[in-house]
Amino acid sequence: MKHGADTIRAAIIDLDGTMLHTVPDFELALNGMRAEFGLAPITQQVIEPMVGKGSEKLIRDVLALDLDTARIDAVFDDAMAAYQRHYLAINGERAALYPHVIEGLRALKELGLRLACVTNKPIAFTLPLLAKKGLTEFFELVYGGDSFPRKKPDPMPLLQVCRDFDLAPARVVAIGDSSNDAEAARAAGCFVLSVPYGYNHGKPVQTINSDGIVDSLLAAAELISAHNKANS
């Protein structure tokens, strides 16, 4: 983040891999779905690089471990329905908050920032999960992967948040763990900060084109505070 820039007035925060470690939930739901199709269980290590691009891509990638394209197309609707059923049944059961998430969200609010959660997770999974983990109160807006015709890395959801908050994108920062978050933010004209502990499709966080890597949401709040003081 740099001198001579606008002060930050809002933050758009990702969910999976940024606020919550949700791969253990994915493991339960995906293996529940796979069992219905006679497929063997898969591990969290296999699942983790697949997370973050939306449920449709996730299910296709998981089925592609065993099935050809024609077979995937034939069973996709049933597989998606099974996955959604299993996920809703266990949503948040094994997911865990990353360190300093609550403290970071509080610090961001204390800076006067407006907060939105934008995730590629379906909204029907997102809202109960935020509630279960005590995160709902921090966010004015929550958008899921099916809230708009296009999801991250498309900038559409982020631009809608900017409109909702009546803020120029240059006054908004996106915080996430993956290239999806960064690409969406760059295309929207927002700042972007990356956390190093998430998923990023199996690639090092250092490959992300961001304005900085922060160890936690609390560290992000501290960096934003310093940026705003330097640019006020």
C-alpha atoms as a PDB file:
ATOM      1  CA  MET A   1       0.000   0.000   0.000  1.00  0.00           C
ATOM      2  CA  LYS A   2       1.357   3.392  -0.884  1.00  0.00           C
ATOM      3  CA  HIS A   3       1.553   7.103  -0.110  1.00  0.00           C
ATOM      4  CA  GLY A   4      -0.512   9.475  -2.186  1.00  0.00           C
ATOM      5  CA  ALA A   5      -3.433   7.063  -2.343  1.00  0.00           C
ATOM      6  CA  ASP A   6      -6.966   7.392  -1.054  1.00  0.00           C
ATOM      7  CA  THR A   7      -7.733   6.411   2.525  1.00  0.00           C
ATOM      8  CA  ILE A   8      -9.417   3.035   2.898  1.00  0.00           C
ATOM      9  CA  ARG A   9     -13.051   3.158   3.990  1.00  0.00           C
ATOM     10  CA  ALA A  10     -14.218  -0.442   3.490  1.00  0.00           C
ATOM     11  CA  ALA A  11     -12.911  -3.999   3.347  1.00  0.00           C
ATOM     12  CA  ILE A  12     -14.206  -6.947   1.343  1.00  0.00           C
ATOM     13  CA  ILE A  13     -13.169 -10.171   3.058  1.00  0.00           C
ATOM     14  CA  ASP A  14     -13.101 -13.698   1.643  1.00  0.00           C
ATOM     15  CA  LEU A  15     -14.346 -16.669   3.696  1.00  0.00           C
ATOM     16  CA  ASP A  16     -12.769 -20.072   2.898  1.00  0.00           C
ATOM     17  CA  GLY A  17      -9.023 -19.952   3.503  1.00  0.00           C
ATOM     18  CA  THR A  18      -9.160 -16.369   4.821  1.00  0.00           C
ATOM     19  CA  MET A  19     -11.439 -16.406   7.860  1.00  0.00           C
ATOM     20  CA  LEU A  20     -12.149 -20.125   8.182  1.00  0.00           C
ATOM     21  CA  HIS A  21     -10.254 -23.349   7.544  1.00  0.00           C
ATOM     22  CA  THR A  22     -13.118 -25.223   5.887  1.00  0.00           C
ATOM     23  CA  VAL A  23     -11.339 -28.086   4.104  1.00  0.00           C
ATOM     24  CA  PRO A  24     -12.333 -30.535   6.889  1.00  0.00           C
ATOM     25  CA  ASP A  25     -15.991 -29.714   6.112  1.00  0.00           C
ATOM     26  CA  PHE A  26     -15.376 -30.190   2.396  1.00  0.00           C
ATOM     27  CA  GLU A  27     -13.822 -33.578   3.179  1.00  0.00           C
ATOM     28  CA  LEU A  28     -16.972 -34.771   4.944  1.00  0.00           C
ATOM     29  CA  ALA A  29     -19.389 -33.472   2.324  1.00  0.00           C
ATOM     30  CA  LEU A  30     -17.430 -34.534  -0.744  1.00  0.00           C
ATOM     31  CA  ASN A  31     -16.758 -38.024   0.561  1.00  0.00           C
ATOM     32  CA  GLY A  32     -20.419 -38.358   1.484  1.00  0.00           C
ATOM     33  CA  MET A  33     -21.269 -37.513  -2.120  1.00  0.00           C
ATOM     34  CA  ARG A  34     -18.595 -39.828  -3.519  1.00  0.00           C
ATOM     35  CA  ALA A  35     -19.843 -42.735  -1.426  1.00  0.00           C
ATOM     36  CA  GLU A  36     -23.273 -42.418  -3.052  1.00  0.00           C
ATOM     37  CA  PHE A  37     -21.593 -42.984  -6.430  1.00  0.00           C
ATOM     38  CA  GLY A  38     -19.437 -45.883  -5.246  1.00  0.00           C
ATOM     39  CA  LEU A  39     -16.249 -43.810  -5.304  1.00  0.00           C
ATOM     40  CA  ALA A  40     -13.470 -44.121  -2.731  1.00  0.00           C
ATOM     41  CA  PRO A  41     -12.833 -41.384  -0.162  1.00  0.00           C
ATOM     42  CA  ILE A  42     -10.297 -38.658  -0.935  1.00  0.00           C
ATOM     43  CA  THR A  43      -8.035 -36.775   1.481  1.00  0.00           C
ATOM     44  CA  GLN A  44      -7.895 -33.143   2.536  1.00  0.00           C
ATOM     45  CA  GLN A  45      -4.567 -32.864   0.687  1.00  0.00           C
ATOM     46  CA  VAL A  46      -6.314 -33.776  -2.563  1.00  0.00           C
ATOM     47  CA  ILE A  47      -9.261 -31.463  -1.879  1.00  0.00           C
ATOM     48  CA  GLU A  48      -7.422 -28.314  -0.754  1.00  0.00           C
ATOM     49  CA  PRO A  49      -6.059 -27.179  -4.172  1.00  0.00           C
ATOM     50  CA  MET A  50      -9.574 -27.533  -5.633  1.00  0.00           C
ATOM     51  CA  VAL A  51     -11.244 -25.145  -3.179  1.00  0.00           C
ATOM     52  CA  GLY A  52     -12.161 -21.569  -4.041  1.00  0.00           C
ATOM     53  CA  LYS A  53     -13.550 -21.538  -7.565  1.00  0.00           C
ATOM     54  CA  GLY A  54     -17.173 -22.320  -6.752  1.00  0.00           C
ATOM     55  CA  SER A  55     -19.183 -25.485  -6.154  1.00  0.00           C
ATOM     56  CA  GLU A  56     -19.704 -26.364  -9.825  1.00  0.00           C
ATOM     57  CA  LYS A  57     -15.956 -26.425 -10.534  1.00  0.00           C
ATOM     58  CA  LEU A  58     -15.274 -28.263  -7.275  1.00  0.00           C
ATOM     59  CA  ILE A  59     -17.721 -31.069  -8.037  1.00  0.00           C
ATOM     60  CA  ARG A  60     -16.452 -31.469 -11.597  1.00  0.00           C
ATOM     61  CA  ASP A  61     -12.830 -31.583 -10.405  1.00  0.00           C
ATOM     62  CA  VAL A  62     -13.646 -34.125  -7.705  1.00  0.00           C
ATOM     63  CA  LEU A  63     -15.553 -36.367 -10.130  1.00  0.00           C
ATOM     64  CA  ALA A  64     -12.767 -36.030 -12.720  1.00  0.00           C
ATOM     65  CA  LEU A  65     -10.478 -37.953 -10.378  1.00  0.00           C
ATOM     66  CA  ASP A  66     -12.410 -41.086 -11.421  1.00  0.00           C
ATOM     67  CA  LEU A  67     -14.779 -40.310 -14.308  1.00  0.00           C
ATOM     68  CA  ASP A  68     -14.460 -39.116 -17.904  1.00  0.00           C
ATOM     69  CA  THR A  69     -16.184 -35.973 -19.153  1.00  0.00           C
ATOM     70  CA  ALA A  70     -19.228 -37.739 -20.589  1.00  0.00           C
ATOM     71  CA  ARG A  71     -19.863 -39.596 -17.338  1.00  0.00           C
ATOM     72  CA  ILE A  72     -19.381 -36.409 -15.289  1.00  0.00           C
ATOM     73  CA  ASP A  73     -21.955 -34.621 -17.445  1.00  0.00           C
ATOM     74  CA  ALA A  74     -24.372 -37.510 -16.973  1.00  0.00           C
ATOM     75  CA  VAL A  75     -24.177 -37.575 -13.165  1.00  0.00           C
ATOM     76  CA  PHE A  76     -23.387 -33.919 -12.426  1.00  0.00           C
ATOM     77  CA  ASP A  77     -26.855 -32.788 -11.325  1.00  0.00           C
ATOM     78  CA  ASP A  78     -27.278 -35.763  -8.981  1.00  0.00           C
ATOM     79  CA  ALA A  79     -23.746 -35.323  -7.646  1.00  0.00           C
ATOM     80  CA  MET A  80     -24.309 -31.617  -6.972  1.00  0.00           C
ATOM     81  CA  ALA A  81     -27.585 -32.347  -5.177  1.00  0.00           C
ATOM     82  CA  ALA A  82     -25.868 -35.007  -3.048  1.00  0.00           C
ATOM     83  CA  TYR A  83     -22.965 -32.695  -2.219  1.00  0.00           C
ATOM     84  CA  GLN A  84     -25.297 -29.867  -1.203  1.00  0.00           C
ATOM     85  CA  ARG A  85     -27.326 -32.200   0.985  1.00  0.00           C
ATOM     86  CA  HIS A  86     -24.226 -33.503   2.749  1.00  0.00           C
ATOM     87  CA  TYR A  87     -22.669 -30.039   3.117  1.00  0.00           C
ATOM     88  CA  LEU A  88     -25.769 -28.486   4.640  1.00  0.00           C
ATOM     89  CA  ALA A  89     -25.913 -31.356   7.129  1.00  0.00           C
ATOM     90  CA  ILE A  90     -22.345 -30.775   8.401  1.00  0.00           C
ATOM     91  CA  ASN A  91     -21.779 -27.087   7.595  1.00  0.00           C
ATOM     92  CA  GLY A  92     -19.328 -25.654  10.133  1.00  0.00           C
ATOM     93  CA  GLU A  93     -18.999 -28.916  12.058  1.00  0.00           C
ATOM     94  CA  ARG A  94     -15.236 -29.164  11.547  1.00  0.00           C
ATOM     95  CA  ALA A  95     -14.439 -25.695  10.176  1.00  0.00           C
ATOM     96  CA  ALA A  96     -12.164 -23.625  12.415  1.00  0.00           C
ATOM     97  CA  LEU A  97     -11.429 -19.912  12.689  1.00  0.00           C
ATOM     98  CA  TYR A  98      -7.912 -18.918  11.760  1.00  0.00           C
ATOM     99  CA  PRO A  99      -5.921 -17.040  14.443  1.00  0.00           C
ATOM    100  CA  HIS A 100      -6.831 -13.391  15.113  1.00  0.00           C
ATOM    101  CA  VAL A 101      -9.899 -13.362  12.843  1.00  0.00           C
ATOM    102  CA  ILE A 102     -12.298 -12.014  15.470  1.00  0.00           C
ATOM    103  CA  GLU A 103      -9.694  -9.566  16.785  1.00  0.00           C
ATOM    104  CA  GLY A 104      -8.942  -8.471  13.224  1.00  0.00           C
ATOM    105  CA  LEU A 105     -12.593  -7.897  12.366  1.00  0.00           C
ATOM    106  CA  ARG A 106     -13.039  -5.870  15.555  1.00  0.00           C
ATOM    107  CA  ALA A 107      -9.972  -3.796  14.733  1.00  0.00           C
ATOM    108  CA  LEU A 108     -11.221  -3.126  11.199  1.00  0.00           C
ATOM    109  CA  LYS A 109     -14.565  -1.975  12.589  1.00  0.00           C
ATOM    110  CA  GLU A 110     -12.816   0.235  15.136  1.00  0.00           C
ATOM    111  CA  LEU A 111     -11.034   1.945  12.239  1.00  0.00           C
ATOM    112  CA  GLY A 112     -14.486   2.895  10.967  1.00  0.00           C
ATOM    113  CA  LEU A 113     -14.347   0.542   7.993  1.00  0.00           C
ATOM    114  CA  ARG A 114     -17.518  -0.900   6.494  1.00  0.00           C
ATOM    115  CA  LEU A 115     -17.191  -4.650   5.996  1.00  0.00           C
ATOM    116  CA  ALA A 116     -18.523  -7.046   3.381  1.00  0.00           C
ATOM    117  CA  CYS A 117     -17.955 -10.767   3.019  1.00  0.00           C
ATOM    118  CA  VAL A 118     -17.670 -11.914  -0.603  1.00  0.00           C
ATOM    119  CA  THR A 119     -17.088 -15.616  -1.188  1.00  0.00           C
ATOM    120  CA  ASN A 120     -17.484 -18.129  -3.997  1.00  0.00           C
ATOM    121  CA  LYS A 121     -19.244 -20.447  -1.529  1.00  0.00           C
ATOM    122  CA  PRO A 122     -23.014 -20.672  -2.242  1.00  0.00           C
ATOM    123  CA  ILE A 123     -24.989 -18.194  -0.158  1.00  0.00           C
ATOM    124  CA  ALA A 124     -27.068 -21.027   1.362  1.00  0.00           C
ATOM    125  CA  PHE A 125     -23.849 -22.406   2.893  1.00  0.00           C
ATOM    126  CA  THR A 126     -22.308 -19.029   3.687  1.00  0.00           C
ATOM    127  CA  LEU A 127     -24.968 -17.425   5.879  1.00  0.00           C
ATOM    128  CA  PRO A 128     -25.386 -20.351   8.337  1.00  0.00           C
ATOM    129  CA  LEU A 129     -21.612 -20.787   8.527  1.00  0.00           C
ATOM    130  CA  LEU A 130     -21.008 -17.132   9.402  1.00  0.00           C
ATOM    131  CA  ALA A 131     -23.714 -17.353  12.050  1.00  0.00           C
ATOM    132  CA  LYS A 132     -22.362 -20.583  13.536  1.00  0.00           C
ATOM    133  CA  LYS A 133     -18.869 -19.105  13.880  1.00  0.00           C
ATOM    134  CA  GLY A 134     -20.013 -15.762  15.346  1.00  0.00           C
ATOM    135  CA  LEU A 135     -19.053 -13.671  12.326  1.00  0.00           C
ATOM    136  CA  THR A 136     -22.417 -12.379  11.099  1.00  0.00           C
ATOM    137  CA  GLU A 137     -22.434  -9.245  13.261  1.00  0.00           C
ATOM    138  CA  PHE A 138     -19.327  -7.818  11.595  1.00  0.00           C
ATOM    139  CA  PHE A 139     -20.692  -7.642   8.057  1.00  0.00           C
ATOM    140  CA  GLU A 140     -23.128  -5.202   6.492  1.00  0.00           C
ATOM    141  CA  LEU A 141     -23.147  -7.201   3.279  1.00  0.00           C
ATOM    142  CA  VAL A 142     -22.665 -10.883   2.449  1.00  0.00           C
ATOM    143  CA  TYR A 143     -22.524 -12.154  -1.126  1.00  0.00           C
ATOM    144  CA  GLY A 144     -21.996 -15.766  -2.197  1.00  0.00           C
ATOM    145  CA  GLY A 145     -20.839 -17.431  -5.368  1.00  0.00           C
ATOM    146  CA  ASP A 146     -24.409 -17.641  -6.663  1.00  0.00           C
ATOM    147  CA  SER A 147     -25.441 -14.083  -5.706  1.00  0.00           C
ATOM    148  CA  PHE A 148     -24.506 -12.766  -9.167  1.00  0.00           C
ATOM    149  CA  PRO A 149     -24.205 -14.139 -12.717  1.00  0.00           C
ATOM    150  CA  ARG A 150     -20.399 -14.118 -12.312  1.00  0.00           C
ATOM    151  CA  LYS A 151     -18.163 -14.911  -9.342  1.00  0.00           C
ATOM    152  CA  LYS A 152     -14.559 -14.109  -8.431  1.00  0.00           C
ATOM    153  CA  PRO A 153     -12.105 -13.708 -10.199  1.00  0.00           C
ATOM    154  CA  ASP A 154     -14.673 -11.603 -12.085  1.00  0.00           C
ATOM    155  CA  PRO A 155     -14.907  -8.150 -10.445  1.00  0.00           C
ATOM    156  CA  MET A 156     -18.730  -8.097 -10.530  1.00  0.00           C
ATOM    157  CA  PRO A 157     -19.330  -8.923  -6.818  1.00  0.00           C
ATOM    158  CA  LEU A 158     -16.678  -6.441  -5.641  1.00  0.00           C
ATOM    159  CA  LEU A 159     -17.996  -3.651  -7.846  1.00  0.00           C
ATOM    160  CA  GLN A 160     -21.477  -4.249  -6.448  1.00  0.00           C
ATOM    161  CA  VAL A 161     -20.135  -3.837  -2.906  1.00  0.00           C
ATOM    162  CA  CYS A 162     -18.520  -0.537  -3.935  1.00  0.00           C
ATOM    163  CA  ARG A 163     -21.867   0.623  -5.310  1.00  0.00           C
ATOM    164  CA  ASP A 164     -23.720  -0.564  -2.211  1.00  0.00           C
ATOM    165  CA  PHE A 165     -21.297   1.347   0.025  1.00  0.00           C
ATOM    166  CA  ASP A 166     -21.231   4.339  -2.358  1.00  0.00           C
ATOM    167  CA  LEU A 167     -17.440   4.236  -2.365  1.00  0.00           C
ATOM    168  CA  ALA A 168     -14.919   4.498  -5.182  1.00  0.00           C
ATOM    169  CA  PRO A 169     -13.042   1.180  -5.586  1.00  0.00           C
ATOM    170  CA  ALA A 170      -9.801   3.001  -4.704  1.00  0.00           C
ATOM    171  CA  ARG A 171     -11.208   3.411  -1.164  1.00  0.00           C
ATOM    172  CA  VAL A 172     -11.874  -0.315  -0.755  1.00  0.00           C
ATOM    173  CA  VAL A 173      -9.478  -3.156   0.040  1.00  0.00           C
ATOM    174  CA  ALA A 174     -10.103  -6.840  -0.678  1.00  0.00           C
ATOM    175  CA  ILE A 175      -8.535  -9.329   1.735  1.00  0.00           C
ATOM    176  CA  GLY A 176      -8.205 -12.942   0.629  1.00  0.00           C
ATOM    177  CA  ASP A 177      -6.029 -16.005   0.349  1.00  0.00           C
ATOM    178  CA  SER A 178      -6.065 -16.657  -3.395  1.00  0.00           C
ATOM    179  CA  SER A 179      -5.386 -15.324  -6.857  1.00  0.00           C
ATOM    180  CA  ASN A 180      -9.174 -15.234  -7.354  1.00  0.00           C
ATOM    181  CA  ASP A 181      -9.445 -12.491  -4.738  1.00  0.00           C
ATOM    182  CA  ALA A 182      -6.510 -10.536  -6.143  1.00  0.00           C
ATOM    183  CA  GLU A 183      -7.638 -10.747  -9.773  1.00  0.00           C
ATOM    184  CA  ALA A 184     -11.149  -9.617  -8.859  1.00  0.00           C
ATOM    185  CA  ALA A 185      -9.780  -6.722  -6.801  1.00  0.00           C
ATOM    186  CA  ARG A 186      -7.338  -5.620  -9.493  1.00  0.00           C
ATOM    187  CA  ALA A 187     -10.069  -5.685 -12.146  1.00  0.00           C
ATOM    188  CA  ALA A 188     -12.393  -3.699  -9.865  1.00  0.00           C
ATOM    189  CA  GLY A 189      -9.737  -1.114  -9.013  1.00  0.00           C
ATOM    190  CA  CYS A 190      -9.507  -2.021  -5.315  1.00  0.00           C
ATOM    191  CA  PHE A 191      -6.473  -2.532  -3.125  1.00  0.00           C
ATOM    192  CA  VAL A 192      -5.733  -6.175  -2.290  1.00  0.00           C
ATOM    193  CA  LEU A 193      -4.042  -7.816   0.692  1.00  0.00           C
ATOM    194  CA  SER A 194      -3.250 -11.543   0.820  1.00  0.00           C
ATOM    195  CA  VAL A 195      -3.023 -13.905   3.785  1.00  0.00           C
ATOM    196  CA  PRO A 196      -0.389 -16.677   3.545  1.00  0.00           C
ATOM    197  CA  TYR A 197      -2.172 -19.517   5.327  1.00  0.00           C
ATOM    198  CA  GLY A 198      -5.069 -20.258   2.946  1.00  0.00           C
ATOM    199  CA  TYR A 199      -5.489 -22.392  -0.119  1.00  0.00           C
ATOM    200  CA  ASN A 200      -4.672 -20.412  -3.337  1.00  0.00           C
ATOM    201  CA  HIS A 201      -5.317 -23.446  -5.549  1.00  0.00           C
ATOM    202  CA  GLY A 202      -2.102 -25.108  -4.370  1.00  0.00           C
ATOM    203  CA  LYS A 203       0.200 -22.248  -5.440  1.00  0.00           C
ATOM    204  CA  PRO A 204       2.498 -20.129  -3.192  1.00  0.00           C
ATOM    205  CA  VAL A 205       0.918 -16.922  -1.920  1.00  0.00           C
ATOM    206  CA  GLN A 206       3.993 -15.056  -3.185  1.00  0.00           C
ATOM    207  CA  THR A 207       2.773 -15.611  -6.755  1.00  0.00           C
ATOM    208  CA  ILE A 208      -0.306 -13.445  -6.093  1.00  0.00           C
ATOM    209  CA  ASN A 209      -0.236  -9.891  -7.449  1.00  0.00           C
ATOM    210  CA  SER A 210      -1.244  -8.089  -4.263  1.00  0.00           C
ATOM    211  CA  ASP A 211      -0.384  -4.931  -2.359  1.00  0.00           C
ATOM    212  CA  GLY A 212       0.993  -6.914   0.550  1.00  0.00           C
ATOM    213  CA  ILE A 213       0.999 -10.206   2.450  1.00  0.00           C
ATOM    214  CA  VAL A 214      -0.406  -9.965   5.986  1.00  0.00           C
ATOM    215  CA  ASP A 215      -0.128 -12.729   8.568  1.00  0.00           C
ATOM    216  CA  SER A 216      -3.688 -12.224   9.845  1.00  0.00           C
ATOM    217  CA  LEU A 217      -6.735  -9.999   9.638  1.00  0.00           C
ATOM    218  CA  LEU A 218      -5.377  -8.190  12.691  1.00  0.00           C
ATOM    219  CA  ALA A 219      -2.152  -7.457  10.805  1.00  0.00           C
ATOM    220  CA  ALA A 220      -4.274  -6.249   7.889  1.00  0.00           C
ATOM    221  CA  ALA A 221      -6.064  -3.819  10.203  1.00  0.00           C
ATOM    222  CA  GLU A 222      -2.725  -2.503  11.473  1.00  0.00           C
ATOM    223  CA  LEU A 223      -1.451  -1.993   7.908  1.00  0.00           C
ATOM    224  CA  ILE A 224      -4.661  -0.237   6.835  1.00  0.00           C
ATOM    225  CA  SER A 225      -4.471   2.005   9.909  1.00  0.00           C
ATOM    226  CA  ALA A 226      -0.915   3.009   9.026  1.00  0.00           C
ATOM    227  CA  HIS A 227      -1.917   3.585   5.387  1.00  0.00           C
ATOM    228  CA  ASN A 228      -4.805   5.814   6.365  1.00  0.00           C
ATOM    229  CA  LYS A 229      -2.688   7.869   8.762  1.00  0.00           C
ATOM    230  CA  ALA A 230      -0.045   8.335   6.070  1.00  0.00           C
ATOM    231  CA  ASN A 231      -2.627   9.438   3.517  1.00  0.00           C
ATOM    232  CA  SER A 232      -4.986  11.519   5.650  1.00  0.00           C
END
